[in-house]
Amino acid sequence: MTVNSDIEFLKKRLEEALCHYSMESYKKLCGLRDEQIIETYQPIPSLEEQQYQIELELLDEYKDSGRSVLQIGIYISSPETVLGSTLFVYSDGTVKQEGKIYRFIGGVATQLRK
């Protein structure tokens, strides 16, 4: 798989993960205070997929207009590439996506063009 196709594959998986975790409850995601969520997906050979991993970590927790907010980093990685984005989950059930996707190279984030 080329770097560009790897990035495109991971962008799709990241968008799916953002959608999936935006539907989780605030209370469940509060569990990130104690432990990261890490899920590993094995490739499906017939689909020519590759192994990838999703990680969620609590980046920050703060108050906004009386609501508690969890700022959650969602990262998706293959052996060659790491992409990430941010999800904001409010205690009243509101969820916002940052709308930006970053590629991490050597721990440095660079925003990908949409």
Foldseek 3Di string as FASTA:
>chain_A
DDPVVVVVVVVVVQVVVLVVVLPDAPVVVVCLVPPKDKDWDDDDVVVVDHIKMKIKHFPDWDDDPNKIKTWIKIWMDGPVWIKIWIWIATNVSDIDTPPWMWTADPNDTDTDDD
